[in-house]
Each structure stands twice: as C-alpha cells, then as structure tokens.
Amino acid sequence: MTIEPMRPNIRRNLVPHDFSETAESALSFALGLAPSLGASVIVMHAFDIPAYGFPEAPVMTTDFAAQISQAAQIALDAVVRRATGPGRVVTGVLRQGTTWSEINGAAQDEKADLIVIGTHGRRGLTRALLGSVAEKVVRTSPVPVLTIRGS
C-alpha cells in the first residue's frame, strides 16, 4: 500500500511579525515560498495593552493604547512596503490582544492556509518565564504552522 501525496492548496500565508530579525527571517521565507504556491502574504502584528491596578488607568490607558496602536501601524506599514515587490501581493493586519490568540484569530479571519512564524529558540528559564508564542500557535492553530528558527 502506498501513501498518496497530499496536494495542499496554500493560497494565503500569514506571517506574524514582532519587528525582530527572527520575524524578518520568517517573512523572507514566506515571500520566497509564495510564488511557487501562487500565494499572497499577510503580515500581521498583535500588541497587547498593559493593565494597571489604579483608578486613573482607563484615562491613561486610552491615550497610551492609541499611541501604541499608531506606532505599531506605522511599523507594520513599513514592513509591508519593504515586502511588496513586482508580482507580490502583501497586505498588513494589526490586531490588539494576546499575541498567540490574535495570530490564530487572524488566521481564521483572513482565511489563511498556512502560518509562517519565527521562533527565537529560547530554552530553560527564559522560555519558562517568557513563554513561547510560536509554541502556543503550533499547539492551537486552526491551520498548519511552519516555524522558522531565528539566528
């Protein structure tokens, strides 16, 4: 009995981006993969607003949230501009919330067929304290995930 190869229909690649070199490596890989698949690339960034435990927080957080959102949008737009080229369809999506959850939500909302995500390769206490967004995405993603190890 032989195993027949599956022919995946990957038309939309989602690339979470945190403006790090590792994310740039994942984006570069996705851009290289896209033409052979006839796929577009969606670059997304998720940010979370820190919560404060004092009464003035809503006022401060609203202004702070707007500043974070604006800075994130500017940075995301710059990444999309750099990634866009002849024959490349690249769009950007900005989301607010817990990063791994927003990546999965964006994959569903954008109808992504594949997530290409960079991993920092942290180990030990650093990973235990910071967690691994890539690991959580791999475990919970609604679509296949390709991890690209950063240098």
N, C-alpha and C. Protein backbone atom coordinates (compact mmCIF):
# COMPACT_ATOMS: atom_id res chain seq x y z
N MET A 1 0.84 -1.17 0.00
CA MET A 1 0.00 0.00 0.00
C MET A 1 0.89 1.25 0.00
N THR A 2 0.63 2.16 -0.91
CA THR A 2 1.42 3.39 -1.00
C THR A 2 0.63 4.55 -0.44
N ILE A 3 1.35 5.51 0.01
CA ILE A 3 0.72 6.73 0.52
C ILE A 3 0.71 7.75 -0.61
N GLU A 4 -0.45 8.24 -0.92
CA GLU A 4 -0.58 9.26 -1.96
C GLU A 4 -0.23 10.62 -1.35
N PRO A 5 0.57 11.40 -2.06
CA PRO A 5 0.92 12.71 -1.53
C PRO A 5 -0.29 13.64 -1.52
N MET A 6 -0.42 14.39 -0.45
CA MET A 6 -1.49 15.38 -0.34
C MET A 6 -1.05 16.62 -1.11
N ARG A 7 -1.94 17.19 -1.84
CA ARG A 7 -1.65 18.41 -2.58
C ARG A 7 -2.35 19.58 -1.89
N PRO A 8 -1.61 20.21 -1.00
CA PRO A 8 -2.23 21.30 -0.24
C PRO A 8 -2.51 22.51 -1.13
N ASN A 9 -3.58 23.17 -0.84
CA ASN A 9 -3.95 24.39 -1.55
C ASN A 9 -3.61 25.57 -0.64
N ILE A 10 -2.38 26.03 -0.74
CA ILE A 10 -1.91 27.12 0.12
C ILE A 10 -1.90 28.39 -0.71
N ARG A 11 -2.89 29.24 -0.48
CA ARG A 11 -3.05 30.47 -1.27
C ARG A 11 -2.82 31.73 -0.44
N ARG A 12 -2.90 31.60 0.89
CA ARG A 12 -2.74 32.77 1.76
C ARG A 12 -1.85 32.40 2.95
N ASN A 13 -0.66 33.01 2.99
CA ASN A 13 0.30 32.76 4.06
C ASN A 13 0.24 33.91 5.08
N LEU A 14 0.02 33.57 6.33
CA LEU A 14 0.00 34.57 7.40
C LEU A 14 1.36 34.56 8.09
N VAL A 15 1.97 35.73 8.21
CA VAL A 15 3.27 35.85 8.86
C VAL A 15 3.15 36.81 10.04
N PRO A 16 3.11 36.27 11.26
CA PRO A 16 3.12 37.15 12.44
C PRO A 16 4.47 37.87 12.50
N HIS A 17 4.44 39.14 12.85
CA HIS A 17 5.68 39.94 12.83
C HIS A 17 5.76 40.78 14.10
N ASP A 18 6.89 40.65 14.80
CA ASP A 18 7.10 41.45 16.01
C ASP A 18 8.25 42.44 15.83
N PHE A 19 8.63 42.68 14.58
CA PHE A 19 9.66 43.64 14.20
C PHE A 19 11.06 43.20 14.64
N SER A 20 11.24 41.91 14.81
CA SER A 20 12.54 41.35 15.18
C SER A 20 13.21 40.76 13.95
N GLU A 21 14.50 40.43 14.07
CA GLU A 21 15.22 39.76 12.98
C GLU A 21 14.62 38.39 12.69
N THR A 22 14.16 37.72 13.74
CA THR A 22 13.55 36.41 13.57
C THR A 22 12.28 36.51 12.73
N ALA A 23 11.48 37.51 12.98
CA ALA A 23 10.26 37.72 12.19
C ALA A 23 10.61 38.07 10.75
N GLU A 24 11.69 38.83 10.56
CA GLU A 24 12.13 39.15 9.20
C GLU A 24 12.53 37.89 8.45
N SER A 25 13.18 36.95 9.16
CA SER A 25 13.57 35.68 8.53
C SER A 25 12.33 34.89 8.10
N ALA A 26 11.32 34.86 8.96
CA ALA A 26 10.08 34.15 8.63
C ALA A 26 9.40 34.82 7.43
N LEU A 27 9.38 36.14 7.42
CA LEU A 27 8.76 36.87 6.31
C LEU A 27 9.52 36.60 5.01
N SER A 28 10.83 36.63 5.08
CA SER A 28 11.65 36.35 3.90
C SER A 28 11.36 34.95 3.36
N PHE A 29 11.23 33.98 4.26
CA PHE A 29 10.92 32.61 3.84
C PHE A 29 9.55 32.56 3.18
N ALA A 30 8.56 33.20 3.78
CA ALA A 30 7.20 33.20 3.24
C ALA A 30 7.16 33.87 1.87
N LEU A 31 7.92 34.95 1.71
CA LEU A 31 7.97 35.64 0.42
C LEU A 31 8.62 34.76 -0.64
N GLY A 32 9.61 33.98 -0.24
CA GLY A 32 10.25 33.05 -1.18
C GLY A 32 9.35 31.89 -1.55
N LEU A 33 8.53 31.46 -0.61
CA LEU A 33 7.62 30.33 -0.83
C LEU A 33 6.39 30.73 -1.66
N ALA A 34 5.93 31.94 -1.51
CA ALA A 34 4.67 32.38 -2.11
C ALA A 34 4.59 32.21 -3.63
N PRO A 35 5.60 32.60 -4.41
CA PRO A 35 5.45 32.48 -5.86
C PRO A 35 5.22 31.05 -6.35
N SER A 36 5.90 30.08 -5.75
CA SER A 36 5.72 28.70 -6.20
C SER A 36 4.33 28.16 -5.85
N LEU A 37 3.69 28.77 -4.87
CA LEU A 37 2.35 28.35 -4.47
C LEU A 37 1.26 29.22 -5.10
N GLY A 38 1.68 30.34 -5.68
CA GLY A 38 0.70 31.30 -6.18
C GLY A 38 -0.03 31.96 -5.02
N ALA A 39 0.69 32.16 -3.93
CA ALA A 39 0.07 32.63 -2.68
C ALA A 39 0.35 34.10 -2.42
N SER A 40 -0.56 34.71 -1.68
CA SER A 40 -0.35 36.05 -1.16
C SER A 40 0.20 35.93 0.26
N VAL A 41 0.74 37.03 0.77
CA VAL A 41 1.31 37.06 2.11
C VAL A 41 0.61 38.13 2.93
N ILE A 42 0.18 37.73 4.11
CA ILE A 42 -0.46 38.65 5.05
C ILE A 42 0.49 38.81 6.23
N VAL A 43 1.01 40.01 6.42
CA VAL A 43 1.88 40.29 7.55
C VAL A 43 0.99 40.84 8.66
N MET A 44 1.07 40.23 9.85
CA MET A 44 0.24 40.72 10.94
C MET A 44 1.08 41.00 12.17
N HIS A 45 0.63 41.99 12.91
CA HIS A 45 1.27 42.32 14.19
C HIS A 45 0.17 42.41 15.24
N ALA A 46 0.44 41.82 16.38
CA ALA A 46 -0.50 41.91 17.50
C ALA A 46 0.20 42.59 18.66
N PHE A 47 -0.52 43.46 19.33
CA PHE A 47 0.02 44.13 20.50
C PHE A 47 -1.00 44.05 21.62
N ASP A 48 -0.51 44.06 22.83
CA ASP A 48 -1.37 43.99 24.00
C ASP A 48 -1.15 45.24 24.83
N ILE A 49 -2.19 45.76 25.42
CA ILE A 49 -2.11 46.94 26.26
C ILE A 49 -1.97 46.48 27.71
N PRO A 50 -0.92 46.92 28.39
CA PRO A 50 -0.77 46.53 29.79
C PRO A 50 -1.90 47.11 30.65
N ALA A 51 -2.36 46.32 31.61
CA ALA A 51 -3.41 46.77 32.52
C ALA A 51 -2.76 47.27 33.80
N TYR A 52 -3.31 48.36 34.31
CA TYR A 52 -2.78 48.94 35.54
C TYR A 52 -3.81 48.79 36.65
N GLY A 53 -3.32 48.68 37.87
CA GLY A 53 -4.21 48.47 39.01
C GLY A 53 -4.47 49.71 39.83
N PHE A 54 -4.80 50.83 39.16
CA PHE A 54 -5.17 52.03 39.90
C PHE A 54 -6.27 52.77 39.15
N PRO A 55 -7.03 53.63 39.88
CA PRO A 55 -8.24 54.24 39.31
C PRO A 55 -8.03 55.07 38.04
N GLU A 56 -6.88 55.69 37.86
CA GLU A 56 -6.65 56.54 36.70
C GLU A 56 -6.33 55.75 35.43
N ALA A 57 -6.23 54.46 35.57
CA ALA A 57 -5.80 53.62 34.45
C ALA A 57 -6.61 53.80 33.17
N PRO A 58 -7.95 53.84 33.22
CA PRO A 58 -8.69 53.95 31.95
C PRO A 58 -8.31 55.18 31.14
N VAL A 59 -8.09 56.32 31.79
CA VAL A 59 -7.74 57.53 31.06
C VAL A 59 -6.34 57.39 30.48
N MET A 60 -5.40 56.95 31.31
CA MET A 60 -4.03 56.80 30.85
C MET A 60 -3.93 55.70 29.79
N THR A 61 -4.62 54.63 29.99
CA THR A 61 -4.54 53.51 29.08
C THR A 61 -5.11 53.85 27.71
N THR A 62 -6.18 54.64 27.66
CA THR A 62 -6.79 55.02 26.39
C THR A 62 -5.80 55.80 25.53
N ASP A 63 -5.14 56.80 26.12
CA ASP A 63 -4.15 57.58 25.39
C ASP A 63 -2.94 56.72 25.04
N PHE A 64 -2.51 55.93 26.00
CA PHE A 64 -1.36 55.04 25.80
C PHE A 64 -1.67 54.02 24.70
N ALA A 65 -2.88 53.47 24.72
CA ALA A 65 -3.29 52.48 23.71
C ALA A 65 -3.29 53.10 22.32
N ALA A 66 -3.76 54.32 22.21
CA ALA A 66 -3.78 54.99 20.91
C ALA A 66 -2.36 55.21 20.40
N GLN A 67 -1.44 55.58 21.29
CA GLN A 67 -0.04 55.78 20.89
C GLN A 67 0.59 54.47 20.45
N ILE A 68 0.34 53.40 21.20
CA ILE A 68 0.89 52.09 20.84
C ILE A 68 0.33 51.63 19.50
N SER A 69 -0.97 51.78 19.32
CA SER A 69 -1.61 51.37 18.08
C SER A 69 -1.06 52.14 16.89
N GLN A 70 -0.90 53.44 17.06
CA GLN A 70 -0.39 54.27 15.96
C GLN A 70 1.05 53.88 15.62
N ALA A 71 1.90 53.70 16.63
CA ALA A 71 3.29 53.31 16.38
C ALA A 71 3.36 51.93 15.72
N ALA A 72 2.53 51.00 16.19
CA ALA A 72 2.51 49.66 15.61
C ALA A 72 2.06 49.69 14.15
N GLN A 73 1.06 50.51 13.85
CA GLN A 73 0.57 50.60 12.47
C GLN A 73 1.64 51.18 11.55
N ILE A 74 2.35 52.19 12.02
CA ILE A 74 3.42 52.79 11.22
C ILE A 74 4.52 51.75 10.94
N ALA A 75 4.91 51.01 11.97
CA ALA A 75 5.95 49.99 11.80
C ALA A 75 5.47 48.87 10.87
N LEU A 76 4.22 48.44 11.03
CA LEU A 76 3.66 47.39 10.17
C LEU A 76 3.60 47.86 8.72
N ASP A 77 3.15 49.08 8.50
CA ASP A 77 3.09 49.62 7.14
C ASP A 77 4.47 49.63 6.49
N ALA A 78 5.51 49.94 7.27
CA ALA A 78 6.88 49.95 6.74
C ALA A 78 7.31 48.54 6.33
N VAL A 79 6.97 47.54 7.13
CA VAL A 79 7.31 46.16 6.80
C VAL A 79 6.60 45.74 5.51
N VAL A 80 5.32 46.07 5.40
CA VAL A 80 4.55 45.71 4.20
C VAL A 80 5.14 46.39 2.97
N ARG A 81 5.52 47.66 3.09
CA ARG A 81 6.13 48.37 1.95
C ARG A 81 7.43 47.69 1.52
N ARG A 82 8.27 47.30 2.49
CA ARG A 82 9.54 46.64 2.16
C ARG A 82 9.31 45.27 1.51
N ALA A 83 8.25 44.59 1.92
CA ALA A 83 7.98 43.23 1.43
C ALA A 83 7.29 43.23 0.07
N THR A 84 6.63 44.31 -0.27
CA THR A 84 5.90 44.39 -1.53
C THR A 84 6.88 44.58 -2.68
N GLY A 85 6.65 43.83 -3.73
CA GLY A 85 7.51 43.94 -4.91
C GLY A 85 6.75 43.48 -6.13
N PRO A 86 7.43 43.46 -7.27
CA PRO A 86 6.77 43.03 -8.50
C PRO A 86 6.19 41.62 -8.36
N GLY A 87 4.93 41.50 -8.65
CA GLY A 87 4.27 40.20 -8.60
C GLY A 87 3.97 39.69 -7.19
N ARG A 88 4.22 40.48 -6.18
CA ARG A 88 3.96 40.07 -4.80
C ARG A 88 2.75 40.79 -4.24
N VAL A 89 1.82 40.02 -3.71
CA VAL A 89 0.66 40.60 -3.04
C VAL A 89 0.90 40.46 -1.55
N VAL A 90 1.14 41.60 -0.88
CA VAL A 90 1.42 41.62 0.55
C VAL A 90 0.49 42.63 1.20
N THR A 91 -0.21 42.19 2.24
CA THR A 91 -1.09 43.08 2.98
C THR A 91 -0.72 43.03 4.46
N GLY A 92 -1.21 43.99 5.22
CA GLY A 92 -0.91 44.05 6.64
C GLY A 92 -2.18 44.04 7.47
N VAL A 93 -2.09 43.42 8.64
CA VAL A 93 -3.21 43.35 9.58
C VAL A 93 -2.67 43.66 10.98
N LEU A 94 -3.31 44.60 11.64
CA LEU A 94 -2.94 44.95 13.00
C LEU A 94 -4.05 44.53 13.94
N ARG A 95 -3.69 43.85 15.03
CA ARG A 95 -4.68 43.36 15.99
C ARG A 95 -4.22 43.67 17.41
N GLN A 96 -5.17 43.85 18.28
CA GLN A 96 -4.88 44.10 19.69
C GLN A 96 -5.36 42.93 20.53
N GLY A 97 -4.47 42.41 21.36
CA GLY A 97 -4.83 41.32 22.25
C GLY A 97 -3.64 40.42 22.52
N THR A 98 -3.89 39.32 23.16
CA THR A 98 -2.83 38.36 23.46
C THR A 98 -2.29 37.80 22.15
N THR A 99 -0.99 37.88 21.99
CA THR A 99 -0.36 37.61 20.69
C THR A 99 -0.75 36.28 20.08
N TRP A 100 -0.54 35.17 20.79
CA TRP A 100 -0.82 33.86 20.18
C TRP A 100 -2.28 33.71 19.80
N SER A 101 -3.17 34.25 20.63
CA SER A 101 -4.60 34.17 20.35
C SER A 101 -4.97 35.02 19.13
N GLU A 102 -4.37 36.19 19.03
CA GLU A 102 -4.65 37.07 17.89
C GLU A 102 -4.10 36.49 16.59
N ILE A 103 -2.99 35.78 16.67
CA ILE A 103 -2.45 35.12 15.47
C ILE A 103 -3.45 34.08 14.97
N ASN A 104 -3.96 33.26 15.88
CA ASN A 104 -4.95 32.26 15.48
C ASN A 104 -6.23 32.91 14.97
N GLY A 105 -6.65 33.98 15.62
CA GLY A 105 -7.84 34.70 15.17
C GLY A 105 -7.65 35.29 13.78
N ALA A 106 -6.47 35.86 13.54
CA ALA A 106 -6.18 36.43 12.22
C ALA A 106 -6.14 35.33 11.16
N ALA A 107 -5.61 34.17 11.51
CA ALA A 107 -5.58 33.05 10.56
C ALA A 107 -7.00 32.69 10.13
N GLN A 108 -7.91 32.67 11.08
CA GLN A 108 -9.31 32.36 10.74
C GLN A 108 -9.96 33.49 9.96
N ASP A 109 -9.82 34.73 10.48
CA ASP A 109 -10.48 35.88 9.84
C ASP A 109 -9.97 36.14 8.42
N GLU A 110 -8.67 35.94 8.22
CA GLU A 110 -8.06 36.21 6.92
C GLU A 110 -8.07 34.99 6.00
N LYS A 111 -8.63 33.89 6.50
CA LYS A 111 -8.71 32.64 5.74
C LYS A 111 -7.33 32.17 5.27
N ALA A 112 -6.37 32.25 6.21
CA ALA A 112 -5.01 31.81 5.91
C ALA A 112 -4.97 30.29 5.78
N ASP A 113 -4.12 29.83 4.89
CA ASP A 113 -3.92 28.40 4.69
C ASP A 113 -2.68 27.90 5.42
N LEU A 114 -1.78 28.83 5.79
CA LEU A 114 -0.53 28.48 6.43
C LEU A 114 -0.06 29.66 7.26
N ILE A 115 0.49 29.37 8.45
CA ILE A 115 1.14 30.39 9.26
C ILE A 115 2.64 30.12 9.19
N VAL A 116 3.41 31.14 8.84
CA VAL A 116 4.87 31.05 8.82
C VAL A 116 5.36 31.95 9.94
N ILE A 117 5.90 31.36 10.99
CA ILE A 117 6.25 32.12 12.19
C ILE A 117 7.69 31.87 12.60
N GLY A 118 8.34 32.93 13.01
CA GLY A 118 9.70 32.82 13.51
C GLY A 118 9.69 32.37 14.96
N THR A 119 10.75 31.64 15.33
CA THR A 119 10.90 31.23 16.71
C THR A 119 12.30 31.64 17.17
N HIS A 120 12.34 32.19 18.36
CA HIS A 120 13.61 32.69 18.90
C HIS A 120 14.49 31.58 19.44
N GLY A 121 13.93 30.39 19.65
CA GLY A 121 14.72 29.27 20.13
C GLY A 121 15.17 29.40 21.57
N ARG A 122 14.39 30.12 22.37
CA ARG A 122 14.75 30.25 23.78
C ARG A 122 14.57 28.93 24.50
N ARG A 123 15.38 28.72 25.50
CA ARG A 123 15.31 27.49 26.28
C ARG A 123 15.37 27.82 27.77
N GLY A 124 15.08 26.82 28.57
CA GLY A 124 15.26 26.93 30.01
C GLY A 124 14.39 27.99 30.67
N LEU A 125 14.98 28.70 31.61
CA LEU A 125 14.24 29.67 32.42
C LEU A 125 13.68 30.81 31.59
N THR A 126 14.44 31.27 30.60
CA THR A 126 13.95 32.36 29.75
C THR A 126 12.65 31.96 29.07
N ARG A 127 12.61 30.75 28.50
CA ARG A 127 11.39 30.28 27.84
C ARG A 127 10.26 30.09 28.84
N ALA A 128 10.61 29.57 30.02
CA ALA A 128 9.59 29.33 31.05
C ALA A 128 8.98 30.66 31.51
N LEU A 129 9.78 31.69 31.64
CA LEU A 129 9.28 32.98 32.11
C LEU A 129 8.56 33.75 31.01
N LEU A 130 9.12 33.74 29.80
CA LEU A 130 8.53 34.50 28.71
C LEU A 130 7.48 33.72 27.94
N GLY A 131 7.55 32.39 28.02
CA GLY A 131 6.64 31.57 27.22
C GLY A 131 7.10 31.56 25.79
N SER A 132 6.43 30.83 24.97
CA SER A 132 6.78 30.78 23.56
C SER A 132 5.52 30.99 22.75
N VAL A 133 5.45 32.13 22.11
CA VAL A 133 4.31 32.42 21.25
C VAL A 133 4.23 31.39 20.13
N ALA A 134 5.36 31.09 19.51
CA ALA A 134 5.36 30.12 18.41
C ALA A 134 4.85 28.76 18.89
N GLU A 135 5.28 28.34 20.07
CA GLU A 135 4.83 27.04 20.60
C GLU A 135 3.32 27.03 20.82
N LYS A 136 2.79 28.11 21.38
CA LYS A 136 1.34 28.17 21.61
C LYS A 136 0.57 28.18 20.30
N VAL A 137 1.12 28.86 19.30
CA VAL A 137 0.46 28.89 17.99
C VAL A 137 0.47 27.49 17.39
N VAL A 138 1.61 26.81 17.45
CA VAL A 138 1.70 25.45 16.91
C VAL A 138 0.67 24.54 17.57
N ARG A 139 0.53 24.66 18.89
CA ARG A 139 -0.39 23.77 19.62
C ARG A 139 -1.86 24.09 19.39
N THR A 140 -2.18 25.34 19.03
CA THR A 140 -3.60 25.74 18.99
C THR A 140 -4.08 26.22 17.63
N SER A 141 -3.22 26.28 16.65
CA SER A 141 -3.57 26.86 15.36
C SER A 141 -4.65 26.07 14.62
N PRO A 142 -5.54 26.80 13.94
CA PRO A 142 -6.55 26.14 13.11
C PRO A 142 -6.00 25.70 11.74
N VAL A 143 -4.78 26.13 11.42
CA VAL A 143 -4.16 25.79 10.12
C VAL A 143 -2.73 25.31 10.37
N PRO A 144 -2.09 24.70 9.36
CA PRO A 144 -0.70 24.27 9.52
C PRO A 144 0.21 25.43 9.84
N VAL A 145 1.27 25.14 10.62
CA VAL A 145 2.23 26.17 11.03
C VAL A 145 3.63 25.71 10.62
N LEU A 146 4.34 26.61 9.98
CA LEU A 146 5.73 26.38 9.61
C LEU A 146 6.58 27.31 10.48
N THR A 147 7.47 26.74 11.29
CA THR A 147 8.32 27.57 12.14
C THR A 147 9.68 27.75 11.49
N ILE A 148 10.18 28.98 11.58
CA ILE A 148 11.47 29.34 11.04
C ILE A 148 12.34 29.78 12.22
N ARG A 149 13.40 29.04 12.46
CA ARG A 149 14.26 29.36 13.59
C ARG A 149 15.13 30.57 13.27
N GLY A 150 15.10 31.52 14.17
CA GLY A 150 15.92 32.72 14.01
C GLY A 150 17.38 32.43 14.28
N SER A 151 18.23 33.33 13.83
CA SER A 151 19.67 33.12 14.03
C SER A 151 20.12 33.60 15.38
